[in-house]
Amino acid sequence: MNEVIYLVQRARMRAMELNGQLAVRYGIASEQLPIGALKMAGNHSVVATELLTHYLRVWSNSAAVSANVVSLQPENAERVVEVTKAILVLCISAFEFSLKQAVEADPKKLSSLSGRVDLRKIIDASATAMLIPAAEKFGWEGVIELRNSMVHNNGIAEKTETYHLPAGPTISLYAGKTIQGELGLFAEVLVWSVEAFARWCDGFLR
């Protein structure tokens, strides 16, 4: 539990640090597209930290008096997963919105885009245009599949695939199966996504 809280706090810290660095580097306001989404991610992470810290405090206080602590551990783990899953979805949605708005405002950066634009199309075009490292494209695909499975398919994967996020966690999906992973999986993916989104912003604004 402490490790999960640490990861969410790290996501918050890095989101705010990277937002400030990019604002200075490109002479823009911290709320401006696309970097404003990093501030949104930081705010979402604050909420997650508050909820997880509250749970930890309640469970710690209950441990000394409750005979059911061990039996409640699976339920507690579910709460942790639900909180981190929700925050990850919110952050990825903020990133997608900002990417789409930024591309719409400056379409020449990714002139190959056409038709209905979504996060996957933007990442594909960004890799082709070398706005992001080619190795990150597969990582983004894993994040997108994870998010889409949670939002559109009740957490059940539609394909079998293993995604090794560069310098990050591994996302393992099995078609027709509910997504499983370590307790901190969604928090780890959140940290990776914050860093990857900031790299996209840097490439797009350069």
N, C-alpha and C. Protein backbone atom coordinates (compact mmCIF):
# COMPACT_ATOMS: atom_id res chain seq x y z
N MET A 1 0.82 -1.21 0.00
CA MET A 1 0.00 0.00 0.00
C MET A 1 0.86 1.27 0.00
N ASN A 2 1.89 1.28 0.86
CA ASN A 2 2.78 2.43 0.88
C ASN A 2 3.46 2.65 -0.46
N GLU A 3 3.79 1.54 -1.15
CA GLU A 3 4.43 1.65 -2.46
C GLU A 3 3.47 2.27 -3.48
N VAL A 4 2.20 1.91 -3.40
CA VAL A 4 1.21 2.48 -4.32
C VAL A 4 1.08 3.98 -4.08
N ILE A 5 0.99 4.37 -2.81
CA ILE A 5 0.89 5.79 -2.48
C ILE A 5 2.13 6.53 -2.98
N TYR A 6 3.30 5.93 -2.81
CA TYR A 6 4.54 6.54 -3.30
C TYR A 6 4.48 6.77 -4.81
N LEU A 7 3.99 5.77 -5.54
CA LEU A 7 3.92 5.89 -7.00
C LEU A 7 2.96 6.99 -7.43
N VAL A 8 1.81 7.08 -6.78
CA VAL A 8 0.85 8.13 -7.12
C VAL A 8 1.41 9.50 -6.79
N GLN A 9 2.10 9.61 -5.65
CA GLN A 9 2.75 10.87 -5.29
C GLN A 9 3.84 11.22 -6.30
N ARG A 10 4.56 10.21 -6.77
CA ARG A 10 5.59 10.46 -7.78
C ARG A 10 4.97 10.97 -9.08
N ALA A 11 3.83 10.39 -9.46
CA ALA A 11 3.14 10.86 -10.66
C ALA A 11 2.75 12.34 -10.50
N ARG A 12 2.23 12.69 -9.33
CA ARG A 12 1.86 14.08 -9.07
C ARG A 12 3.09 15.00 -9.15
N MET A 13 4.15 14.60 -8.47
CA MET A 13 5.36 15.42 -8.44
C MET A 13 5.93 15.61 -9.83
N ARG A 14 6.04 14.53 -10.59
CA ARG A 14 6.63 14.61 -11.92
C ARG A 14 5.74 15.40 -12.87
N ALA A 15 4.43 15.26 -12.74
CA ALA A 15 3.51 16.01 -13.61
C ALA A 15 3.70 17.51 -13.41
N MET A 16 3.82 17.94 -12.15
CA MET A 16 3.99 19.36 -11.89
C MET A 16 5.38 19.85 -12.28
N GLU A 17 6.40 19.03 -12.01
CA GLU A 17 7.77 19.40 -12.40
C GLU A 17 7.88 19.55 -13.91
N LEU A 18 7.38 18.58 -14.64
CA LEU A 18 7.49 18.60 -16.09
C LEU A 18 6.68 19.72 -16.70
N ASN A 19 5.52 19.99 -16.12
CA ASN A 19 4.72 21.11 -16.59
C ASN A 19 5.51 22.42 -16.47
N GLY A 20 6.14 22.62 -15.31
CA GLY A 20 6.92 23.83 -15.10
C GLY A 20 8.12 23.92 -16.03
N GLN A 21 8.80 22.81 -16.23
CA GLN A 21 9.96 22.80 -17.11
C GLN A 21 9.58 23.13 -18.55
N LEU A 22 8.50 22.55 -19.03
CA LEU A 22 8.07 22.79 -20.40
C LEU A 22 7.56 24.22 -20.58
N ALA A 23 6.90 24.74 -19.56
CA ALA A 23 6.40 26.12 -19.64
C ALA A 23 7.57 27.09 -19.79
N VAL A 24 8.63 26.87 -19.03
CA VAL A 24 9.82 27.73 -19.12
C VAL A 24 10.54 27.52 -20.46
N ARG A 25 10.69 26.27 -20.86
CA ARG A 25 11.44 25.96 -22.07
C ARG A 25 10.82 26.60 -23.31
N TYR A 26 9.48 26.62 -23.36
CA TYR A 26 8.82 27.11 -24.56
C TYR A 26 8.12 28.46 -24.36
N GLY A 27 8.30 29.05 -23.19
CA GLY A 27 7.76 30.38 -22.94
C GLY A 27 6.25 30.44 -23.01
N ILE A 28 5.58 29.45 -22.47
CA ILE A 28 4.12 29.41 -22.51
C ILE A 28 3.57 29.28 -21.09
N ALA A 29 2.29 29.57 -20.94
CA ALA A 29 1.64 29.45 -19.63
C ALA A 29 1.49 27.98 -19.26
N SER A 30 1.55 27.71 -17.98
CA SER A 30 1.46 26.31 -17.53
C SER A 30 0.10 25.68 -17.83
N GLU A 31 -0.92 26.51 -18.06
CA GLU A 31 -2.25 25.98 -18.39
C GLU A 31 -2.45 25.81 -19.89
N GLN A 32 -1.49 26.29 -20.68
CA GLN A 32 -1.66 26.28 -22.14
C GLN A 32 -1.57 24.86 -22.70
N LEU A 33 -2.28 24.64 -23.83
CA LEU A 33 -2.19 23.35 -24.52
C LEU A 33 -0.79 23.17 -25.10
N PRO A 34 -0.30 21.95 -25.10
CA PRO A 34 -0.90 20.76 -24.50
C PRO A 34 -0.46 20.48 -23.07
N ILE A 35 0.48 21.31 -22.54
CA ILE A 35 1.08 20.96 -21.26
C ILE A 35 0.13 21.12 -20.08
N GLY A 36 -0.97 21.83 -20.28
CA GLY A 36 -1.94 22.00 -19.21
C GLY A 36 -2.47 20.69 -18.67
N ALA A 37 -2.46 19.66 -19.51
CA ALA A 37 -2.94 18.35 -19.07
C ALA A 37 -2.07 17.76 -17.97
N LEU A 38 -0.81 18.18 -17.91
CA LEU A 38 0.07 17.71 -16.84
C LEU A 38 -0.40 18.25 -15.50
N LYS A 39 -0.87 19.50 -15.47
CA LYS A 39 -1.42 20.04 -14.24
C LYS A 39 -2.69 19.30 -13.84
N MET A 40 -3.51 18.95 -14.84
CA MET A 40 -4.71 18.17 -14.56
C MET A 40 -4.34 16.82 -13.96
N ALA A 41 -3.32 16.18 -14.52
CA ALA A 41 -2.87 14.89 -13.99
C ALA A 41 -2.37 15.04 -12.56
N GLY A 42 -1.66 16.14 -12.30
CA GLY A 42 -1.19 16.40 -10.95
C GLY A 42 -2.34 16.55 -9.97
N ASN A 43 -3.40 17.26 -10.39
CA ASN A 43 -4.56 17.44 -9.53
C ASN A 43 -5.29 16.12 -9.29
N HIS A 44 -5.45 15.32 -10.34
CA HIS A 44 -6.09 14.01 -10.18
C HIS A 44 -5.28 13.14 -9.20
N SER A 45 -3.98 13.23 -9.29
CA SER A 45 -3.12 12.41 -8.43
C SER A 45 -3.21 12.85 -6.97
N VAL A 46 -3.45 14.13 -6.75
CA VAL A 46 -3.66 14.60 -5.38
C VAL A 46 -4.88 13.93 -4.77
N VAL A 47 -5.96 13.88 -5.54
CA VAL A 47 -7.19 13.23 -5.05
C VAL A 47 -6.93 11.76 -4.73
N ALA A 48 -6.22 11.08 -5.62
CA ALA A 48 -5.92 9.66 -5.39
C ALA A 48 -5.07 9.48 -4.13
N THR A 49 -4.09 10.34 -3.95
CA THR A 49 -3.24 10.26 -2.76
C THR A 49 -4.07 10.44 -1.49
N GLU A 50 -4.97 11.41 -1.51
CA GLU A 50 -5.81 11.66 -0.34
C GLU A 50 -6.68 10.45 -0.01
N LEU A 51 -7.27 9.85 -1.04
CA LEU A 51 -8.13 8.68 -0.80
C LEU A 51 -7.32 7.49 -0.28
N LEU A 52 -6.19 7.22 -0.89
CA LEU A 52 -5.37 6.09 -0.48
C LEU A 52 -4.80 6.29 0.93
N THR A 53 -4.41 7.51 1.21
CA THR A 53 -3.89 7.80 2.55
C THR A 53 -4.98 7.62 3.60
N HIS A 54 -6.19 8.03 3.26
CA HIS A 54 -7.33 7.84 4.17
C HIS A 54 -7.58 6.36 4.43
N TYR A 55 -7.58 5.57 3.36
CA TYR A 55 -7.77 4.12 3.52
C TYR A 55 -6.68 3.53 4.41
N LEU A 56 -5.44 3.92 4.16
CA LEU A 56 -4.33 3.37 4.94
C LEU A 56 -4.49 3.71 6.41
N ARG A 57 -4.89 4.93 6.70
CA ARG A 57 -5.06 5.35 8.09
C ARG A 57 -6.19 4.56 8.77
N VAL A 58 -7.30 4.40 8.07
CA VAL A 58 -8.43 3.65 8.63
C VAL A 58 -8.05 2.20 8.87
N TRP A 59 -7.38 1.59 7.87
CA TRP A 59 -7.02 0.18 8.02
C TRP A 59 -5.99 -0.01 9.12
N SER A 60 -5.08 0.93 9.27
CA SER A 60 -4.06 0.82 10.31
C SER A 60 -4.69 0.93 11.69
N ASN A 61 -5.67 1.82 11.83
CA ASN A 61 -6.35 1.98 13.12
C ASN A 61 -7.22 0.78 13.44
N SER A 62 -7.75 0.15 12.39
CA SER A 62 -8.64 -1.01 12.59
C SER A 62 -7.86 -2.27 12.88
N ALA A 63 -6.61 -2.32 12.46
CA ALA A 63 -5.84 -3.56 12.57
C ALA A 63 -5.72 -4.05 14.00
N ALA A 64 -5.64 -3.14 14.94
CA ALA A 64 -5.44 -3.55 16.33
C ALA A 64 -6.71 -4.07 16.99
N VAL A 65 -7.87 -3.73 16.43
CA VAL A 65 -9.12 -4.06 17.12
C VAL A 65 -9.99 -5.04 16.34
N SER A 66 -9.73 -5.22 15.07
CA SER A 66 -10.60 -6.06 14.26
C SER A 66 -10.03 -7.44 14.06
N ALA A 67 -10.88 -8.45 14.27
CA ALA A 67 -10.46 -9.83 14.05
C ALA A 67 -10.60 -10.21 12.59
N ASN A 68 -11.17 -9.31 11.81
CA ASN A 68 -11.46 -9.63 10.40
C ASN A 68 -10.49 -8.97 9.44
N VAL A 69 -9.38 -8.45 9.95
CA VAL A 69 -8.45 -7.71 9.10
C VAL A 69 -7.95 -8.56 7.94
N VAL A 70 -7.54 -9.79 8.23
CA VAL A 70 -7.01 -10.65 7.18
C VAL A 70 -8.07 -10.94 6.13
N SER A 71 -9.28 -11.21 6.58
CA SER A 71 -10.34 -11.53 5.63
C SER A 71 -10.74 -10.32 4.80
N LEU A 72 -10.47 -9.12 5.30
CA LEU A 72 -10.84 -7.91 4.57
C LEU A 72 -9.76 -7.47 3.58
N GLN A 73 -8.60 -8.08 3.62
CA GLN A 73 -7.50 -7.66 2.74
C GLN A 73 -7.85 -7.69 1.25
N PRO A 74 -8.52 -8.74 0.76
CA PRO A 74 -8.90 -8.71 -0.66
C PRO A 74 -9.82 -7.54 -1.00
N GLU A 75 -10.75 -7.21 -0.10
CA GLU A 75 -11.64 -6.08 -0.34
C GLU A 75 -10.84 -4.77 -0.35
N ASN A 76 -9.91 -4.66 0.57
CA ASN A 76 -9.07 -3.46 0.62
C ASN A 76 -8.25 -3.31 -0.65
N ALA A 77 -7.71 -4.43 -1.13
CA ALA A 77 -6.94 -4.39 -2.38
C ALA A 77 -7.80 -3.93 -3.54
N GLU A 78 -9.06 -4.36 -3.57
CA GLU A 78 -9.98 -3.94 -4.63
C GLU A 78 -10.19 -2.43 -4.59
N ARG A 79 -10.28 -1.88 -3.39
CA ARG A 79 -10.45 -0.43 -3.26
C ARG A 79 -9.23 0.31 -3.82
N VAL A 80 -8.05 -0.19 -3.52
CA VAL A 80 -6.83 0.43 -4.04
C VAL A 80 -6.81 0.37 -5.56
N VAL A 81 -7.17 -0.77 -6.10
CA VAL A 81 -7.19 -0.93 -7.56
C VAL A 81 -8.21 0.01 -8.19
N GLU A 82 -9.39 0.13 -7.59
CA GLU A 82 -10.42 0.99 -8.15
C GLU A 82 -9.99 2.45 -8.17
N VAL A 83 -9.35 2.89 -7.09
CA VAL A 83 -8.89 4.29 -7.03
C VAL A 83 -7.82 4.56 -8.08
N THR A 84 -6.82 3.70 -8.15
CA THR A 84 -5.73 3.94 -9.10
C THR A 84 -6.19 3.76 -10.54
N LYS A 85 -7.10 2.83 -10.76
CA LYS A 85 -7.65 2.65 -12.10
C LYS A 85 -8.41 3.90 -12.55
N ALA A 86 -9.24 4.44 -11.66
CA ALA A 86 -10.03 5.63 -11.99
C ALA A 86 -9.13 6.83 -12.31
N ILE A 87 -8.08 7.01 -11.52
CA ILE A 87 -7.19 8.14 -11.74
C ILE A 87 -6.43 7.98 -13.05
N LEU A 88 -6.02 6.75 -13.36
CA LEU A 88 -5.33 6.52 -14.63
C LEU A 88 -6.25 6.86 -15.80
N VAL A 89 -7.48 6.43 -15.75
CA VAL A 89 -8.44 6.72 -16.83
C VAL A 89 -8.63 8.22 -16.98
N LEU A 90 -8.78 8.93 -15.86
CA LEU A 90 -8.95 10.38 -15.92
C LEU A 90 -7.73 11.06 -16.55
N CYS A 91 -6.55 10.62 -16.17
CA CYS A 91 -5.33 11.25 -16.69
C CYS A 91 -5.15 10.97 -18.18
N ILE A 92 -5.38 9.73 -18.60
CA ILE A 92 -5.23 9.41 -20.02
C ILE A 92 -6.26 10.18 -20.85
N SER A 93 -7.46 10.34 -20.30
CA SER A 93 -8.48 11.12 -21.01
C SER A 93 -8.05 12.57 -21.14
N ALA A 94 -7.43 13.12 -20.09
CA ALA A 94 -6.94 14.49 -20.16
C ALA A 94 -5.83 14.62 -21.19
N PHE A 95 -4.94 13.64 -21.22
CA PHE A 95 -3.87 13.66 -22.21
C PHE A 95 -4.43 13.58 -23.63
N GLU A 96 -5.37 12.69 -23.84
CA GLU A 96 -5.95 12.54 -25.18
C GLU A 96 -6.62 13.83 -25.62
N PHE A 97 -7.40 14.44 -24.73
CA PHE A 97 -8.08 15.69 -25.08
C PHE A 97 -7.07 16.76 -25.48
N SER A 98 -6.00 16.88 -24.69
CA SER A 98 -5.01 17.91 -24.95
C SER A 98 -4.25 17.65 -26.25
N LEU A 99 -3.93 16.38 -26.51
CA LEU A 99 -3.27 16.04 -27.76
C LEU A 99 -4.14 16.41 -28.95
N LYS A 100 -5.41 16.06 -28.87
CA LYS A 100 -6.32 16.35 -29.98
C LYS A 100 -6.47 17.85 -30.19
N GLN A 101 -6.59 18.60 -29.10
CA GLN A 101 -6.74 20.05 -29.21
C GLN A 101 -5.47 20.69 -29.76
N ALA A 102 -4.32 20.21 -29.32
CA ALA A 102 -3.06 20.76 -29.79
C ALA A 102 -2.86 20.50 -31.28
N VAL A 103 -3.19 19.30 -31.72
CA VAL A 103 -3.05 18.95 -33.13
C VAL A 103 -4.03 19.75 -33.98
N GLU A 104 -5.22 19.96 -33.46
CA GLU A 104 -6.21 20.76 -34.19
C GLU A 104 -5.75 22.21 -34.32
N ALA A 105 -5.10 22.72 -33.28
CA ALA A 105 -4.63 24.10 -33.30
C ALA A 105 -3.41 24.28 -34.19
N ASP A 106 -2.61 23.23 -34.36
CA ASP A 106 -1.39 23.32 -35.17
C ASP A 106 -1.25 22.04 -36.00
N PRO A 107 -2.13 21.87 -37.00
CA PRO A 107 -2.18 20.61 -37.75
C PRO A 107 -0.94 20.32 -38.59
N LYS A 108 -0.15 21.32 -38.89
CA LYS A 108 1.02 21.08 -39.76
C LYS A 108 2.05 20.18 -39.09
N LYS A 109 2.03 20.10 -37.77
CA LYS A 109 3.00 19.26 -37.06
C LYS A 109 2.77 17.78 -37.37
N LEU A 110 1.50 17.41 -37.59
CA LEU A 110 1.16 16.02 -37.92
C LEU A 110 0.21 16.04 -39.11
N SER A 111 0.73 16.48 -40.22
CA SER A 111 -0.10 16.70 -41.41
C SER A 111 -0.65 15.41 -42.01
N SER A 112 -0.10 14.25 -41.61
CA SER A 112 -0.58 12.99 -42.17
C SER A 112 -1.91 12.55 -41.58
N LEU A 113 -2.35 13.20 -40.50
CA LEU A 113 -3.60 12.80 -39.86
C LEU A 113 -4.79 13.18 -40.74
N SER A 114 -5.78 12.30 -40.75
CA SER A 114 -7.01 12.58 -41.50
C SER A 114 -8.16 11.83 -40.86
N GLY A 115 -9.36 12.25 -41.18
CA GLY A 115 -10.54 11.59 -40.63
C GLY A 115 -10.69 11.84 -39.14
N ARG A 116 -11.35 10.92 -38.47
CA ARG A 116 -11.57 11.06 -37.03
C ARG A 116 -10.26 10.81 -36.30
N VAL A 117 -9.85 11.79 -35.53
CA VAL A 117 -8.56 11.72 -34.83
C VAL A 117 -8.77 11.24 -33.40
N ASP A 118 -8.00 10.24 -33.00
CA ASP A 118 -8.04 9.77 -31.62
C ASP A 118 -6.60 9.59 -31.12
N LEU A 119 -6.47 9.15 -29.89
CA LEU A 119 -5.15 9.02 -29.27
C LEU A 119 -4.25 8.07 -30.04
N ARG A 120 -4.79 6.94 -30.47
CA ARG A 120 -3.97 5.96 -31.19
C ARG A 120 -3.43 6.54 -32.50
N LYS A 121 -4.28 7.24 -33.24
CA LYS A 121 -3.84 7.84 -34.50
C LYS A 121 -2.76 8.89 -34.26
N ILE A 122 -2.92 9.67 -33.22
CA ILE A 122 -1.94 10.71 -32.94
C ILE A 122 -0.59 10.09 -32.58
N ILE A 123 -0.61 9.05 -31.76
CA ILE A 123 0.64 8.39 -31.38
C ILE A 123 1.31 7.76 -32.59
N ASP A 124 0.54 7.10 -33.44
CA ASP A 124 1.11 6.50 -34.66
C ASP A 124 1.76 7.56 -35.54
N ALA A 125 1.03 8.66 -35.75
CA ALA A 125 1.56 9.74 -36.59
C ALA A 125 2.78 10.40 -35.94
N SER A 126 2.76 10.50 -34.62
CA SER A 126 3.87 11.13 -33.90
C SER A 126 5.14 10.30 -34.01
N ALA A 127 5.00 8.98 -33.96
CA ALA A 127 6.17 8.12 -34.12
C ALA A 127 6.72 8.23 -35.54
N THR A 128 5.82 8.26 -36.51
CA THR A 128 6.25 8.39 -37.91
C THR A 128 6.97 9.71 -38.14
N ALA A 129 6.46 10.77 -37.53
CA ALA A 129 7.05 12.09 -37.68
C ALA A 129 8.24 12.31 -36.75
N MET A 130 8.57 11.29 -35.96
CA MET A 130 9.70 11.32 -35.02
C MET A 130 9.54 12.39 -33.95
N LEU A 131 8.28 12.66 -33.57
CA LEU A 131 8.05 13.56 -32.44
C LEU A 131 8.27 12.83 -31.13
N ILE A 132 8.14 11.51 -31.16
CA ILE A 132 8.42 10.68 -30.00
C ILE A 132 9.35 9.55 -30.43
N PRO A 133 10.10 8.98 -29.51
CA PRO A 133 10.95 7.84 -29.87
C PRO A 133 10.11 6.69 -30.39
N ALA A 134 10.58 6.03 -31.42
CA ALA A 134 9.84 4.93 -32.03
C ALA A 134 9.52 3.83 -31.01
N ALA A 135 10.42 3.62 -30.07
CA ALA A 135 10.23 2.55 -29.08
C ALA A 135 9.03 2.82 -28.18
N GLU A 136 8.61 4.09 -28.07
CA GLU A 136 7.50 4.41 -27.18
C GLU A 136 6.15 4.12 -27.80
N LYS A 137 6.11 3.95 -29.11
CA LYS A 137 4.82 3.72 -29.76
C LYS A 137 4.15 2.47 -29.21
N PHE A 138 4.90 1.39 -29.04
CA PHE A 138 4.34 0.14 -28.53
C PHE A 138 3.89 0.31 -27.09
N GLY A 139 4.64 1.10 -26.32
CA GLY A 139 4.23 1.37 -24.95
C GLY A 139 2.90 2.10 -24.88
N TRP A 140 2.76 3.11 -25.72
CA TRP A 140 1.50 3.84 -25.80
C TRP A 140 0.35 2.92 -26.21
N GLU A 141 0.63 2.00 -27.13
CA GLU A 141 -0.41 1.06 -27.55
C GLU A 141 -0.91 0.24 -26.36
N GLY A 142 0.02 -0.16 -25.48
CA GLY A 142 -0.37 -0.90 -24.30
C GLY A 142 -1.24 -0.08 -23.37
N VAL A 143 -0.87 1.18 -23.17
CA VAL A 143 -1.66 2.07 -22.32
C VAL A 143 -3.06 2.27 -22.91
N ILE A 144 -3.12 2.46 -24.21
CA ILE A 144 -4.41 2.67 -24.88
C ILE A 144 -5.28 1.44 -24.76
N GLU A 145 -4.71 0.25 -24.99
CA GLU A 145 -5.49 -0.98 -24.86
C GLU A 145 -5.99 -1.17 -23.43
N LEU A 146 -5.12 -0.86 -22.47
CA LEU A 146 -5.50 -0.97 -21.06
C LEU A 146 -6.65 -0.03 -20.75
N ARG A 147 -6.51 1.23 -21.14
CA ARG A 147 -7.57 2.21 -20.89
C ARG A 147 -8.87 1.83 -21.57
N ASN A 148 -8.80 1.44 -22.84
CA ASN A 148 -10.01 1.09 -23.58
C ASN A 148 -10.71 -0.13 -22.99
N SER A 149 -9.93 -1.09 -22.54
CA SER A 149 -10.53 -2.28 -21.92
C SER A 149 -11.28 -1.91 -20.65
N MET A 150 -10.72 -1.00 -19.88
CA MET A 150 -11.37 -0.59 -18.63
C MET A 150 -12.62 0.25 -18.89
N VAL A 151 -12.54 1.14 -19.87
CA VAL A 151 -13.64 2.07 -20.11
C VAL A 151 -14.76 1.44 -20.93
N HIS A 152 -14.38 0.67 -21.96
CA HIS A 152 -15.37 0.20 -22.92
C HIS A 152 -15.72 -1.28 -22.79
N ASN A 153 -14.94 -2.03 -22.01
CA ASN A 153 -15.16 -3.49 -22.00
C ASN A 153 -15.16 -4.07 -20.59
N ASN A 154 -15.50 -3.22 -19.61
CA ASN A 154 -15.64 -3.68 -18.23
C ASN A 154 -14.38 -4.37 -17.69
N GLY A 155 -13.23 -3.90 -18.17
CA GLY A 155 -11.98 -4.44 -17.67
C GLY A 155 -11.56 -5.76 -18.28
N ILE A 156 -12.26 -6.20 -19.32
CA ILE A 156 -11.95 -7.47 -19.98
C ILE A 156 -11.18 -7.18 -21.27
N ALA A 157 -10.03 -7.81 -21.42
CA ALA A 157 -9.19 -7.57 -22.60
C ALA A 157 -9.83 -8.16 -23.85
N GLU A 158 -9.64 -7.48 -24.96
CA GLU A 158 -10.17 -7.95 -26.24
C GLU A 158 -9.11 -8.68 -27.06
N LYS A 159 -7.86 -8.61 -26.62
CA LYS A 159 -6.78 -9.26 -27.36
C LYS A 159 -5.75 -9.79 -26.37
N THR A 160 -4.97 -10.74 -26.85
CA THR A 160 -3.87 -11.27 -26.04
C THR A 160 -2.57 -10.61 -26.51
N GLU A 161 -1.94 -9.90 -25.60
CA GLU A 161 -0.72 -9.18 -25.96
C GLU A 161 0.01 -8.79 -24.68
N THR A 162 1.32 -8.76 -24.77
CA THR A 162 2.14 -8.29 -23.66
C THR A 162 2.89 -7.05 -24.11
N TYR A 163 2.73 -5.99 -23.35
CA TYR A 163 3.36 -4.72 -23.69
C TYR A 163 4.41 -4.39 -22.63
N HIS A 164 5.66 -4.28 -23.06
CA HIS A 164 6.73 -3.87 -22.17
C HIS A 164 6.94 -2.37 -22.37
N LEU A 165 6.47 -1.57 -21.43
CA LEU A 165 6.63 -0.13 -21.56
C LEU A 165 8.10 0.23 -21.32
N PRO A 166 8.73 0.96 -22.24
CA PRO A 166 10.14 1.29 -22.09
C PRO A 166 10.44 1.93 -20.73
N ALA A 167 11.35 1.32 -19.98
CA ALA A 167 11.72 1.81 -18.64
C ALA A 167 10.51 1.90 -17.72
N GLY A 168 9.53 1.02 -17.96
CA GLY A 168 8.31 1.03 -17.15
C GLY A 168 7.80 -0.37 -16.91
N PRO A 169 6.55 -0.48 -16.48
CA PRO A 169 5.98 -1.79 -16.16
C PRO A 169 5.60 -2.58 -17.41
N THR A 170 5.18 -3.80 -17.19
CA THR A 170 4.69 -4.66 -18.27
C THR A 170 3.19 -4.83 -18.12
N ILE A 171 2.47 -4.65 -19.22
CA ILE A 171 1.02 -4.84 -19.25
C ILE A 171 0.73 -6.14 -20.00
N SER A 172 0.14 -7.10 -19.31
CA SER A 172 -0.18 -8.39 -19.93
C SER A 172 -1.70 -8.52 -20.08
N LEU A 173 -2.14 -8.68 -21.32
CA LEU A 173 -3.56 -8.81 -21.62
C LEU A 173 -3.84 -10.20 -22.18
N TYR A 174 -5.00 -10.75 -21.81
CA TYR A 174 -5.42 -12.06 -22.31
C TYR A 174 -6.87 -11.94 -22.76
N ALA A 175 -7.11 -12.21 -24.04
CA ALA A 175 -8.43 -12.04 -24.63
C ALA A 175 -9.50 -12.76 -23.81
N GLY A 176 -10.57 -12.03 -23.50
CA GLY A 176 -11.68 -12.61 -22.76
C GLY A 176 -11.47 -12.70 -21.27
N LYS A 177 -10.32 -12.26 -20.79
CA LYS A 177 -10.01 -12.34 -19.36
C LYS A 177 -9.96 -10.94 -18.75
N THR A 178 -10.38 -10.86 -17.48
CA THR A 178 -10.28 -9.61 -16.75
C THR A 178 -8.81 -9.26 -16.55
N ILE A 179 -8.47 -8.00 -16.73
CA ILE A 179 -7.08 -7.57 -16.61
C ILE A 179 -6.59 -7.77 -15.18
N GLN A 180 -5.45 -8.43 -15.04
CA GLN A 180 -4.86 -8.69 -13.74
C GLN A 180 -3.47 -8.06 -13.69
N GLY A 181 -2.97 -7.90 -12.49
CA GLY A 181 -1.63 -7.36 -12.34
C GLY A 181 -1.33 -7.12 -10.87
N GLU A 182 -0.13 -6.69 -10.60
CA GLU A 182 0.25 -6.37 -9.23
C GLU A 182 -0.59 -5.19 -8.73
N LEU A 183 -0.65 -5.06 -7.41
CA LEU A 183 -1.47 -4.02 -6.80
C LEU A 183 -1.15 -2.63 -7.33
N GLY A 184 0.13 -2.39 -7.63
CA GLY A 184 0.54 -1.07 -8.08
C GLY A 184 0.57 -0.88 -9.59
N LEU A 185 0.01 -1.83 -10.36
CA LEU A 185 0.12 -1.76 -11.82
C LEU A 185 -0.40 -0.44 -12.37
N PHE A 186 -1.61 -0.05 -12.01
CA PHE A 186 -2.19 1.16 -12.59
C PHE A 186 -1.40 2.40 -12.18
N ALA A 187 -0.88 2.39 -10.96
CA ALA A 187 -0.06 3.52 -10.52
C ALA A 187 1.25 3.57 -11.29
N GLU A 188 1.84 2.41 -11.56
CA GLU A 188 3.07 2.37 -12.36
C GLU A 188 2.82 2.87 -13.78
N VAL A 189 1.70 2.46 -14.36
CA VAL A 189 1.36 2.91 -15.71
C VAL A 189 1.10 4.41 -15.71
N LEU A 190 0.51 4.92 -14.63
CA LEU A 190 0.27 6.35 -14.51
C LEU A 190 1.59 7.12 -14.54
N VAL A 191 2.57 6.68 -13.77
CA VAL A 191 3.87 7.35 -13.75
C VAL A 191 4.48 7.34 -15.14
N TRP A 192 4.45 6.19 -15.80
CA TRP A 192 5.03 6.09 -17.15
C TRP A 192 4.30 7.03 -18.12
N SER A 193 3.00 7.07 -18.02
CA SER A 193 2.19 7.88 -18.94
C SER A 193 2.46 9.37 -18.77
N VAL A 194 2.66 9.81 -17.53
CA VAL A 194 2.99 11.21 -17.28
C VAL A 194 4.30 11.57 -17.98
N GLU A 195 5.30 10.73 -17.81
CA GLU A 195 6.60 10.98 -18.43
C GLU A 195 6.50 10.94 -19.96
N ALA A 196 5.78 9.95 -20.47
CA ALA A 196 5.65 9.79 -21.93
C ALA A 196 4.87 10.95 -22.54
N PHE A 197 3.83 11.40 -21.86
CA PHE A 197 3.06 12.53 -22.37
C PHE A 197 3.92 13.79 -22.40
N ALA A 198 4.73 13.99 -21.37
CA ALA A 198 5.61 15.16 -21.35
C ALA A 198 6.61 15.10 -22.51
N ARG A 199 7.10 13.90 -22.83
CA ARG A 199 8.02 13.77 -23.97
C ARG A 199 7.29 14.10 -25.27
N TRP A 200 6.02 13.71 -25.37
CA TRP A 200 5.25 14.04 -26.57
C TRP A 200 5.12 15.56 -26.68
N CYS A 201 4.78 16.21 -25.57
CA CYS A 201 4.65 17.67 -25.57
C CYS A 201 5.94 18.34 -26.03
N ASP A 202 7.05 17.82 -25.52
CA ASP A 202 8.35 18.39 -25.88
C ASP A 202 8.60 18.24 -27.37
N GLY A 203 8.30 17.06 -27.91
CA GLY A 203 8.49 16.84 -29.34
C GLY A 203 7.56 17.70 -30.19
N PHE A 204 6.34 17.88 -29.75
CA PHE A 204 5.36 18.64 -30.51
C PHE A 204 5.67 20.13 -30.48
N LEU A 205 6.12 20.62 -29.35
CA LEU A 205 6.36 22.06 -29.20
C LEU A 205 7.71 22.49 -29.77
N ARG A 206 8.61 21.53 -29.98
CA ARG A 206 9.97 21.86 -30.40
C ARG A 206 9.98 22.59 -31.74
